[in-house]
Amino acid sequence: MANHLSAKKRIRQNKKRREHNRQRNSRIKTFIKRVEDALNDGKAKDAQDAFRSAMSEIHKGVTKGVVTSNAADRKISRLNKRVKQLALAQ
């Protein structure tokens, strides 16, 4: 356990920040799941709407420092590719 006041404060801040980051990550995963569910159901319009909101949420994760920009770009790119394939198939 830390003895210095600054170290104790840092422990408190890290705990709070970890909770925020976990909530942000969970929210991003939920939005991605919504897109994947729409893709699996074959609903192109719903998939496009869900993709837009997921993309926004992923970008928010990048701004908050929860997701790296490369990881975010990769996730968005892969989702977009699947959404476009579904739209072209219909």
PDB file of N, CA and C in Angstrom:
ATOM      1  N   MET A   1       0.842  -1.183   0.000  1.00  0.00           N
ATOM      2  CA  MET A   1       0.000   0.000   0.000  1.00  0.00           C
ATOM      3  C   MET A   1       0.887   1.246   0.000  1.00  0.00           C
ATOM      4  N   ALA A   2       0.417   2.270  -0.665  1.00  0.00           N
ATOM      5  CA  ALA A   2       1.185   3.504  -0.779  1.00  0.00           C
ATOM      6  C   ALA A   2       1.206   4.261   0.548  1.00  0.00           C
ATOM      7  N   ASN A   3       2.306   4.962   0.794  1.00  0.00           N
ATOM      8  CA  ASN A   3       2.441   5.746   2.016  1.00  0.00           C
ATOM      9  C   ASN A   3       2.302   7.239   1.773  1.00  0.00           C
ATOM     10  N   HIS A   4       2.705   7.715   0.611  1.00  0.00           N
ATOM     11  CA  HIS A   4       2.654   9.140   0.311  1.00  0.00           C
ATOM     12  C   HIS A   4       1.241   9.546  -0.091  1.00  0.00           C
ATOM     13  N   LEU A   5       0.896  10.760   0.241  1.00  0.00           N
ATOM     14  CA  LEU A   5      -0.431  11.270  -0.098  1.00  0.00           C
ATOM     15  C   LEU A   5      -0.653  11.284  -1.604  1.00  0.00           C
ATOM     16  N   SER A   6       0.377  11.685  -2.342  1.00  0.00           N
ATOM     17  CA  SER A   6       0.228  11.762  -3.794  1.00  0.00           C
ATOM     18  C   SER A   6       0.018  10.369  -4.398  1.00  0.00           C
ATOM     19  N   ALA A   7       0.668   9.357  -3.826  1.00  0.00           N
ATOM     20  CA  ALA A   7       0.502   7.987  -4.320  1.00  0.00           C
ATOM     21  C   ALA A   7      -0.894   7.470  -3.997  1.00  0.00           C
ATOM     22  N   LYS A   8      -1.409   7.833  -2.823  1.00  0.00           N
ATOM     23  CA  LYS A   8      -2.764   7.420  -2.443  1.00  0.00           C
ATOM     24  C   LYS A   8      -3.792   8.076  -3.376  1.00  0.00           C
ATOM     25  N   LYS A   9      -3.558   9.338  -3.674  1.00  0.00           N
ATOM     26  CA  LYS A   9      -4.461  10.046  -4.586  1.00  0.00           C
ATOM     27  C   LYS A   9      -4.417   9.407  -5.973  1.00  0.00           C
ATOM     28  N   ARG A  10      -3.224   9.062  -6.429  1.00  0.00           N
ATOM     29  CA  ARG A  10      -3.077   8.434  -7.738  1.00  0.00           C
ATOM     30  C   ARG A  10      -3.832   7.109  -7.782  1.00  0.00           C
ATOM     31  N   ILE A  11      -3.815   6.348  -6.707  1.00  0.00           N
ATOM     32  CA  ILE A  11      -4.555   5.078  -6.642  1.00  0.00           C
ATOM     33  C   ILE A  11      -6.048   5.333  -6.786  1.00  0.00           C
ATOM     34  N   ARG A  12      -6.535   6.368  -6.083  1.00  0.00           N
ATOM     35  CA  ARG A  12      -7.959   6.706  -6.193  1.00  0.00           C
ATOM     36  C   ARG A  12      -8.315   7.122  -7.618  1.00  0.00           C
ATOM     37  N   GLN A  13      -7.470   7.935  -8.225  1.00  0.00           N
ATOM     38  CA  GLN A  13      -7.737   8.404  -9.587  1.00  0.00           C
ATOM     39  C   GLN A  13      -7.706   7.255 -10.584  1.00  0.00           C
ATOM     40  N   ASN A  14      -6.744   6.344 -10.410  1.00  0.00           N
ATOM     41  CA  ASN A  14      -6.643   5.200 -11.327  1.00  0.00           C
ATOM     42  C   ASN A  14      -7.882   4.319 -11.258  1.00  0.00           C
ATOM     43  N   LYS A  15      -8.384   4.132 -10.048  1.00  0.00           N
ATOM     44  CA  LYS A  15      -9.580   3.312  -9.874  1.00  0.00           C
ATOM     45  C   LYS A  15     -10.772   3.935 -10.602  1.00  0.00           C
ATOM     46  N   LYS A  16     -10.934   5.242 -10.410  1.00  0.00           N
ATOM     47  CA  LYS A  16     -12.039   5.955 -11.045  1.00  0.00           C
ATOM     48  C   LYS A  16     -11.904   5.911 -12.575  1.00  0.00           C
ATOM     49  N   ARG A  17     -10.687   6.135 -13.064  1.00  0.00           N
ATOM     50  CA  ARG A  17     -10.433   6.154 -14.498  1.00  0.00           C
ATOM     51  C   ARG A  17     -10.665   4.778 -15.110  1.00  0.00           C
ATOM     52  N   ARG A  18     -10.246   3.724 -14.380  1.00  0.00           N
ATOM     53  CA  ARG A  18     -10.447   2.361 -14.869  1.00  0.00           C
ATOM     54  C   ARG A  18     -11.932   2.064 -15.069  1.00  0.00           C
ATOM     55  N   GLU A  19     -12.754   2.519 -14.121  1.00  0.00           N
ATOM     56  CA  GLU A  19     -14.197   2.320 -14.243  1.00  0.00           C
ATOM     57  C   GLU A  19     -14.761   3.044 -15.468  1.00  0.00           C
ATOM     58  N   HIS A  20     -14.307   4.272 -15.687  1.00  0.00           N
ATOM     59  CA  HIS A  20     -14.765   5.032 -16.857  1.00  0.00           C
ATOM     60  C   HIS A  20     -14.362   4.325 -18.146  1.00  0.00           C
ATOM     61  N   ASN A  21     -13.133   3.847 -18.180  1.00  0.00           N
ATOM     62  CA  ASN A  21     -12.639   3.179 -19.381  1.00  0.00           C
ATOM     63  C   ASN A  21     -13.394   1.881 -19.643  1.00  0.00           C
ATOM     64  N   ARG A  22     -13.696   1.142 -18.594  1.00  0.00           N
ATOM     65  CA  ARG A  22     -14.442  -0.104 -18.765  1.00  0.00           C
ATOM     66  C   ARG A  22     -15.845   0.178 -19.294  1.00  0.00           C
ATOM     67  N   GLN A  23     -16.473   1.222 -18.793  1.00  0.00           N
ATOM     68  CA  GLN A  23     -17.804   1.595 -19.274  1.00  0.00           C
ATOM     69  C   GLN A  23     -17.753   2.002 -20.742  1.00  0.00           C
ATOM     70  N   ARG A  24     -16.736   2.760 -21.104  1.00  0.00           N
ATOM     71  CA  ARG A  24     -16.596   3.206 -22.492  1.00  0.00           C
ATOM     72  C   ARG A  24     -16.381   2.015 -23.416  1.00  0.00           C
ATOM     73  N   ASN A  25     -15.500   1.081 -23.014  1.00  0.00           N
ATOM     74  CA  ASN A  25     -15.237  -0.110 -23.818  1.00  0.00           C
ATOM     75  C   ASN A  25     -16.482  -0.963 -23.968  1.00  0.00           C
ATOM     76  N   SER A  26     -17.212  -1.124 -22.878  1.00  0.00           N
ATOM     77  CA  SER A  26     -18.439  -1.913 -22.911  1.00  0.00           C
ATOM     78  C   SER A  26     -19.452  -1.273 -23.863  1.00  0.00           C
ATOM     79  N   ARG A  27     -19.557   0.034 -23.809  1.00  0.00           N
ATOM     80  CA  ARG A  27     -20.487   0.755 -24.693  1.00  0.00           C
ATOM     81  C   ARG A  27     -20.102   0.569 -26.164  1.00  0.00           C
ATOM     82  N   ILE A  28     -18.820   0.640 -26.453  1.00  0.00           N
ATOM     83  CA  ILE A  28     -18.345   0.439 -27.829  1.00  0.00           C
ATOM     84  C   ILE A  28     -18.697  -0.962 -28.306  1.00  0.00           C
ATOM     85  N   LYS A  29     -18.459  -1.953 -27.463  1.00  0.00           N
ATOM     86  CA  LYS A  29     -18.763  -3.346 -27.834  1.00  0.00           C
ATOM     87  C   LYS A  29     -20.255  -3.529 -28.078  1.00  0.00           C
ATOM     88  N   THR A  30     -21.083  -2.866 -27.270  1.00  0.00           N
ATOM     89  CA  THR A  30     -22.529  -2.964 -27.445  1.00  0.00           C
ATOM     90  C   THR A  30     -22.950  -2.410 -28.800  1.00  0.00           C
ATOM     91  N   PHE A  31     -22.397  -1.272 -29.179  1.00  0.00           N
ATOM     92  CA  PHE A  31     -22.741  -0.661 -30.466  1.00  0.00           C
ATOM     93  C   PHE A  31     -22.283  -1.551 -31.625  1.00  0.00           C
ATOM     94  N   ILE A  32     -21.116  -2.177 -31.476  1.00  0.00           N
ATOM     95  CA  ILE A  32     -20.625  -3.085 -32.519  1.00  0.00           C
ATOM     96  C   ILE A  32     -21.535  -4.303 -32.630  1.00  0.00           C
ATOM     97  N   LYS A  33     -21.994  -4.811 -31.493  1.00  0.00           N
ATOM     98  CA  LYS A  33     -22.897  -5.964 -31.503  1.00  0.00           C
ATOM     99  C   LYS A  33     -24.205  -5.636 -32.204  1.00  0.00           C
ATOM    100  N   ARG A  34     -24.682  -4.409 -32.041  1.00  0.00           N
ATOM    101  CA  ARG A  34     -25.918  -4.006 -32.726  1.00  0.00           C
ATOM    102  C   ARG A  34     -25.747  -4.064 -34.239  1.00  0.00           C
ATOM    103  N   VAL A  35     -24.592  -3.636 -34.717  1.00  0.00           N
ATOM    104  CA  VAL A  35     -24.310  -3.698 -36.157  1.00  0.00           C
ATOM    105  C   VAL A  35     -24.251  -5.147 -36.600  1.00  0.00           C
ATOM    106  N   GLU A  36     -23.554  -5.977 -35.848  1.00  0.00           N
ATOM    107  CA  GLU A  36     -23.407  -7.384 -36.224  1.00  0.00           C
ATOM    108  C   GLU A  36     -24.743  -8.112 -36.203  1.00  0.00           C
ATOM    109  N   ASP A  37     -25.608  -7.780 -35.243  1.00  0.00           N
ATOM    110  CA  ASP A  37     -26.933  -8.395 -35.197  1.00  0.00           C
ATOM    111  C   ASP A  37     -27.746  -8.021 -36.433  1.00  0.00           C
ATOM    112  N   ALA A  38     -27.691  -6.759 -36.812  1.00  0.00           N
ATOM    113  CA  ALA A  38     -28.409  -6.311 -38.009  1.00  0.00           C
ATOM    114  C   ALA A  38     -27.840  -6.983 -39.256  1.00  0.00           C
ATOM    115  N   LEU A  39     -26.519  -7.174 -39.296  1.00  0.00           N
ATOM    116  CA  LEU A  39     -25.897  -7.849 -40.438  1.00  0.00           C
ATOM    117  C   LEU A  39     -26.327  -9.310 -40.508  1.00  0.00           C
ATOM    118  N   ASN A  40     -26.362  -9.957 -39.353  1.00  0.00           N
ATOM    119  CA  ASN A  40     -26.756 -11.365 -39.322  1.00  0.00           C
ATOM    120  C   ASN A  40     -28.220 -11.563 -39.685  1.00  0.00           C
ATOM    121  N   ASP A  41     -29.050 -10.568 -39.349  1.00  0.00           N
ATOM    122  CA  ASP A  41     -30.471 -10.648 -39.701  1.00  0.00           C
ATOM    123  C   ASP A  41     -30.717 -10.262 -41.151  1.00  0.00           C
ATOM    124  N   GLY A  42     -29.724  -9.689 -41.805  1.00  0.00           N
ATOM    125  CA  GLY A  42     -29.858  -9.302 -43.199  1.00  0.00           C
ATOM    126  C   GLY A  42     -30.603  -7.997 -43.401  1.00  0.00           C
ATOM    127  N   LYS A  43     -30.628  -7.154 -42.397  1.00  0.00           N
ATOM    128  CA  LYS A  43     -31.333  -5.872 -42.479  1.00  0.00           C
ATOM    129  C   LYS A  43     -30.328  -4.774 -42.820  1.00  0.00           C
ATOM    130  N   ALA A  44     -30.271  -4.422 -44.093  1.00  0.00           N
ATOM    131  CA  ALA A  44     -29.261  -3.471 -44.566  1.00  0.00           C
ATOM    132  C   ALA A  44     -29.484  -2.070 -43.986  1.00  0.00           C
ATOM    133  N   LYS A  45     -30.721  -1.615 -43.963  1.00  0.00           N
ATOM    134  CA  LYS A  45     -31.020  -0.264 -43.464  1.00  0.00           C
ATOM    135  C   LYS A  45     -30.672  -0.143 -41.987  1.00  0.00           C
ATOM    136  N   ASP A  46     -31.077  -1.147 -41.207  1.00  0.00           N
ATOM    137  CA  ASP A  46     -30.753  -1.132 -39.776  1.00  0.00           C
ATOM    138  C   ASP A  46     -29.248  -1.207 -39.556  1.00  0.00           C
ATOM    139  N   ALA A  47     -28.571  -1.980 -40.378  1.00  0.00           N
ATOM    140  CA  ALA A  47     -27.120  -2.127 -40.253  1.00  0.00           C
ATOM    141  C   ALA A  47     -26.422  -0.797 -40.529  1.00  0.00           C
ATOM    142  N   GLN A  48     -26.904  -0.071 -41.532  1.00  0.00           N
ATOM    143  CA  GLN A  48     -26.296   1.218 -41.851  1.00  0.00           C
ATOM    144  C   GLN A  48     -26.511   2.228 -40.723  1.00  0.00           C
ATOM    145  N   ASP A  49     -27.716   2.247 -40.152  1.00  0.00           N
ATOM    146  CA  ASP A  49     -27.998   3.154 -39.042  1.00  0.00           C
ATOM    147  C   ASP A  49     -27.151   2.800 -37.823  1.00  0.00           C
ATOM    148  N   ALA A  50     -27.088   1.514 -37.528  1.00  0.00           N
ATOM    149  CA  ALA A  50     -26.303   1.057 -36.382  1.00  0.00           C
ATOM    150  C   ALA A  50     -24.816   1.325 -36.617  1.00  0.00           C
ATOM    151  N   PHE A  51     -24.382   1.202 -37.857  1.00  0.00           N
ATOM    152  CA  PHE A  51     -22.976   1.438 -38.175  1.00  0.00           C
ATOM    153  C   PHE A  51     -22.601   2.899 -37.934  1.00  0.00           C
ATOM    154  N   ARG A  52     -23.475   3.807 -38.321  1.00  0.00           N
ATOM    155  CA  ARG A  52     -23.200   5.228 -38.112  1.00  0.00           C
ATOM    156  C   ARG A  52     -23.019   5.544 -36.628  1.00  0.00           C
ATOM    157  N   SER A  53     -23.926   5.020 -35.813  1.00  0.00           N
ATOM    158  CA  SER A  53     -23.812   5.297 -34.379  1.00  0.00           C
ATOM    159  C   SER A  53     -22.605   4.583 -33.769  1.00  0.00           C
ATOM    160  N   ALA A  54     -22.289   3.382 -34.268  1.00  0.00           N
ATOM    161  CA  ALA A  54     -21.110   2.662 -33.763  1.00  0.00           C
ATOM    162  C   ALA A  54     -19.835   3.406 -34.130  1.00  0.00           C
ATOM    163  N   MET A  55     -19.788   3.929 -35.332  1.00  0.00           N
ATOM    164  CA  MET A  55     -18.608   4.663 -35.773  1.00  0.00           C
ATOM    165  C   MET A  55     -18.397   5.894 -34.878  1.00  0.00           C
ATOM    166  N   SER A  56     -19.459   6.577 -34.572  1.00  0.00           N
ATOM    167  CA  SER A  56     -19.376   7.741 -33.693  1.00  0.00           C
ATOM    168  C   SER A  56     -18.866   7.338 -32.311  1.00  0.00           C
ATOM    169  N   GLU A  57     -19.380   6.251 -31.809  1.00  0.00           N
ATOM    170  CA  GLU A  57     -18.993   5.795 -30.472  1.00  0.00           C
ATOM    171  C   GLU A  57     -17.528   5.346 -30.437  1.00  0.00           C
ATOM    172  N   ILE A  58     -17.087   4.693 -31.490  1.00  0.00           N
ATOM    173  CA  ILE A  58     -15.691   4.254 -31.568  1.00  0.00           C
ATOM    174  C   ILE A  58     -14.765   5.468 -31.618  1.00  0.00           C
ATOM    175  N   HIS A  59     -15.152   6.484 -32.373  1.00  0.00           N
ATOM    176  CA  HIS A  59     -14.340   7.702 -32.444  1.00  0.00           C
ATOM    177  C   HIS A  59     -14.287   8.417 -31.090  1.00  0.00           C
ATOM    178  N   LYS A  60     -15.386   8.372 -30.350  1.00  0.00           N
ATOM    179  CA  LYS A  60     -15.377   8.956 -29.009  1.00  0.00           C
ATOM    180  C   LYS A  60     -14.383   8.214 -28.124  1.00  0.00           C
ATOM    181  N   GLY A  61     -14.301   6.899 -28.312  1.00  0.00           N
ATOM    182  CA  GLY A  61     -13.337   6.110 -27.550  1.00  0.00           C
ATOM    183  C   GLY A  61     -11.904   6.512 -27.855  1.00  0.00           C
ATOM    184  N   VAL A  62     -11.666   6.877 -29.112  1.00  0.00           N
ATOM    185  CA  VAL A  62     -10.325   7.328 -29.503  1.00  0.00           C
ATOM    186  C   VAL A  62     -10.016   8.668 -28.823  1.00  0.00           C
ATOM    187  N   THR A  63     -10.992   9.572 -28.826  1.00  0.00           N
ATOM    188  CA  THR A  63     -10.748  10.882 -28.220  1.00  0.00           C
ATOM    189  C   THR A  63     -10.514  10.759 -26.717  1.00  0.00           C
ATOM    190  N   LYS A  64     -11.176   9.810 -26.091  1.00  0.00           N
ATOM    191  CA  LYS A  64     -11.012   9.619 -24.653  1.00  0.00           C
ATOM    192  C   LYS A  64      -9.765   8.799 -24.315  1.00  0.00           C
ATOM    193  N   GLY A  65      -9.097   8.254 -25.325  1.00  0.00           N
ATOM    194  CA  GLY A  65      -7.875   7.502 -25.087  1.00  0.00           C
ATOM    195  C   GLY A  65      -8.093   6.059 -24.697  1.00  0.00           C
ATOM    196  N   VAL A  66      -9.293   5.541 -24.919  1.00  0.00           N
ATOM    197  CA  VAL A  66      -9.603   4.164 -24.550  1.00  0.00           C
ATOM    198  C   VAL A  66      -9.190   3.204 -25.664  1.00  0.00           C
ATOM    199  N   VAL A  67      -9.328   3.653 -26.901  1.00  0.00           N
ATOM    200  CA  VAL A  67      -8.992   2.840 -28.064  1.00  0.00           C
ATOM    201  C   VAL A  67      -7.942   3.595 -28.872  1.00  0.00           C
ATOM    202  N   THR A  68      -6.962   2.873 -29.395  1.00  0.00           N
ATOM    203  CA  THR A  68      -5.977   3.534 -30.247  1.00  0.00           C
ATOM    204  C   THR A  68      -6.607   3.834 -31.596  1.00  0.00           C
ATOM    205  N   SER A  69      -6.069   4.810 -32.280  1.00  0.00           N
ATOM    206  CA  SER A  69      -6.673   5.227 -33.544  1.00  0.00           C
ATOM    207  C   SER A  69      -6.569   4.126 -34.595  1.00  0.00           C
ATOM    208  N   ASN A  70      -5.477   3.368 -34.590  1.00  0.00           N
ATOM    209  CA  ASN A  70      -5.340   2.281 -35.561  1.00  0.00           C
ATOM    210  C   ASN A  70      -6.367   1.184 -35.315  1.00  0.00           C
ATOM    211  N   ALA A  71      -6.582   0.839 -34.068  1.00  0.00           N
ATOM    212  CA  ALA A  71      -7.569  -0.189 -33.734  1.00  0.00           C
ATOM    213  C   ALA A  71      -8.967   0.284 -34.123  1.00  0.00           C
ATOM    214  N   ALA A  72      -9.260   1.545 -33.862  1.00  0.00           N
ATOM    215  CA  ALA A  72     -10.564   2.098 -34.212  1.00  0.00           C
ATOM    216  C   ALA A  72     -10.766   2.083 -35.719  1.00  0.00           C
ATOM    217  N   ASP A  73      -9.759   2.507 -36.461  1.00  0.00           N
ATOM    218  CA  ASP A  73      -9.860   2.516 -37.919  1.00  0.00           C
ATOM    219  C   ASP A  73     -10.069   1.105 -38.456  1.00  0.00           C
ATOM    220  N   ARG A  74      -9.381   0.142 -37.866  1.00  0.00           N
ATOM    221  CA  ARG A  74      -9.515  -1.243 -38.305  1.00  0.00           C
ATOM    222  C   ARG A  74     -10.927  -1.768 -38.047  1.00  0.00           C
ATOM    223  N   LYS A  75     -11.470  -1.501 -36.863  1.00  0.00           N
ATOM    224  CA  LYS A  75     -12.825  -1.948 -36.538  1.00  0.00           C
ATOM    225  C   LYS A  75     -13.853  -1.310 -37.464  1.00  0.00           C
ATOM    226  N   ILE A  76     -13.710  -0.014 -37.671  1.00  0.00           N
ATOM    227  CA  ILE A  76     -14.648   0.705 -38.534  1.00  0.00           C
ATOM    228  C   ILE A  76     -14.566   0.194 -39.959  1.00  0.00           C
ATOM    229  N   SER A  77     -13.360  -0.030 -40.435  1.00  0.00           N
ATOM    230  CA  SER A  77     -13.173  -0.501 -41.800  1.00  0.00           C
ATOM    231  C   SER A  77     -13.811  -1.869 -42.012  1.00  0.00           C
ATOM    232  N   ARG A  78     -13.596  -2.757 -41.066  1.00  0.00           N
ATOM    233  CA  ARG A  78     -14.152  -4.113 -41.208  1.00  0.00           C
ATOM    234  C   ARG A  78     -15.678  -4.105 -41.134  1.00  0.00           C
ATOM    235  N   LEU A  79     -16.232  -3.285 -40.241  1.00  0.00           N
ATOM    236  CA  LEU A  79     -17.684  -3.186 -40.156  1.00  0.00           C
ATOM    237  C   LEU A  79     -18.254  -2.577 -41.432  1.00  0.00           C
ATOM    238  N   ASN A  80     -17.607  -1.528 -41.922  1.00  0.00           N
ATOM    239  CA  ASN A  80     -18.081  -0.851 -43.125  1.00  0.00           C
ATOM    240  C   ASN A  80     -18.069  -1.795 -44.324  1.00  0.00           C
ATOM    241  N   LYS A  81     -17.048  -2.610 -44.416  1.00  0.00           N
ATOM    242  CA  LYS A  81     -16.945  -3.568 -45.515  1.00  0.00           C
ATOM    243  C   LYS A  81     -18.126  -4.536 -45.493  1.00  0.00           C
ATOM    244  N   ARG A  82     -18.464  -5.016 -44.306  1.00  0.00           N
ATOM    245  CA  ARG A  82     -19.583  -5.961 -44.191  1.00  0.00           C
ATOM    246  C   ARG A  82     -20.921  -5.290 -44.474  1.00  0.00           C
ATOM    247  N   VAL A  83     -21.077  -4.047 -44.024  1.00  0.00           N
ATOM    248  CA  VAL A  83     -22.327  -3.314 -44.258  1.00  0.00           C
ATOM    249  C   VAL A  83     -22.513  -3.074 -45.753  1.00  0.00           C
ATOM    250  N   LYS A  84     -21.428  -2.682 -46.438  1.00  0.00           N
ATOM    251  CA  LYS A  84     -21.519  -2.445 -47.880  1.00  0.00           C
ATOM    252  C   LYS A  84     -21.823  -3.724 -48.653  1.00  0.00           C
ATOM    253  N   GLN A  85     -21.234  -4.839 -48.239  1.00  0.00           N
ATOM    254  CA  GLN A  85     -21.505  -6.109 -48.923  1.00  0.00           C
ATOM    255  C   GLN A  85     -22.971  -6.476 -48.792  1.00  0.00           C
ATOM    256  N   LEU A  86     -23.545  -6.259 -47.611  1.00  0.00           N
ATOM    257  CA  LEU A  86     -24.964  -6.561 -47.399  1.00  0.00           C
ATOM    258  C   LEU A  86     -25.836  -5.644 -48.263  1.00  0.00           C
ATOM    259  N   ALA A  87     -25.469  -4.384 -48.341  1.00  0.00           N
ATOM    260  CA  ALA A  87     -26.259  -3.434 -49.132  1.00  0.00           C
ATOM    261  C   ALA A  87     -26.207  -3.790 -50.613  1.00  0.00           C
ATOM    262  N   LEU A  88     -25.055  -4.231 -51.083  1.00  0.00           N
ATOM    263  CA  LEU A  88     -24.939  -4.600 -52.494  1.00  0.00           C
ATOM    264  C   LEU A  88     -25.660  -5.899 -52.805  1.00  0.00           C
ATOM    265  N   ALA A  89     -25.730  -6.777 -51.830  1.00  0.00           N
ATOM    266  CA  ALA A  89     -26.376  -8.080 -52.037  1.00  0.00           C
ATOM    267  C   ALA A  89     -27.888  -7.924 -52.188  1.00  0.00           C
ATOM    268  N   GLN A  90     -28.430  -6.837 -51.647  1.00  0.00           N
ATOM    269  CA  GLN A  90     -29.892  -6.669 -51.705  1.00  0.00           C
ATOM    270  C   GLN A  90     -30.337  -5.805 -52.851  1.00  0.00           C
TER     271      GLN A  90
END
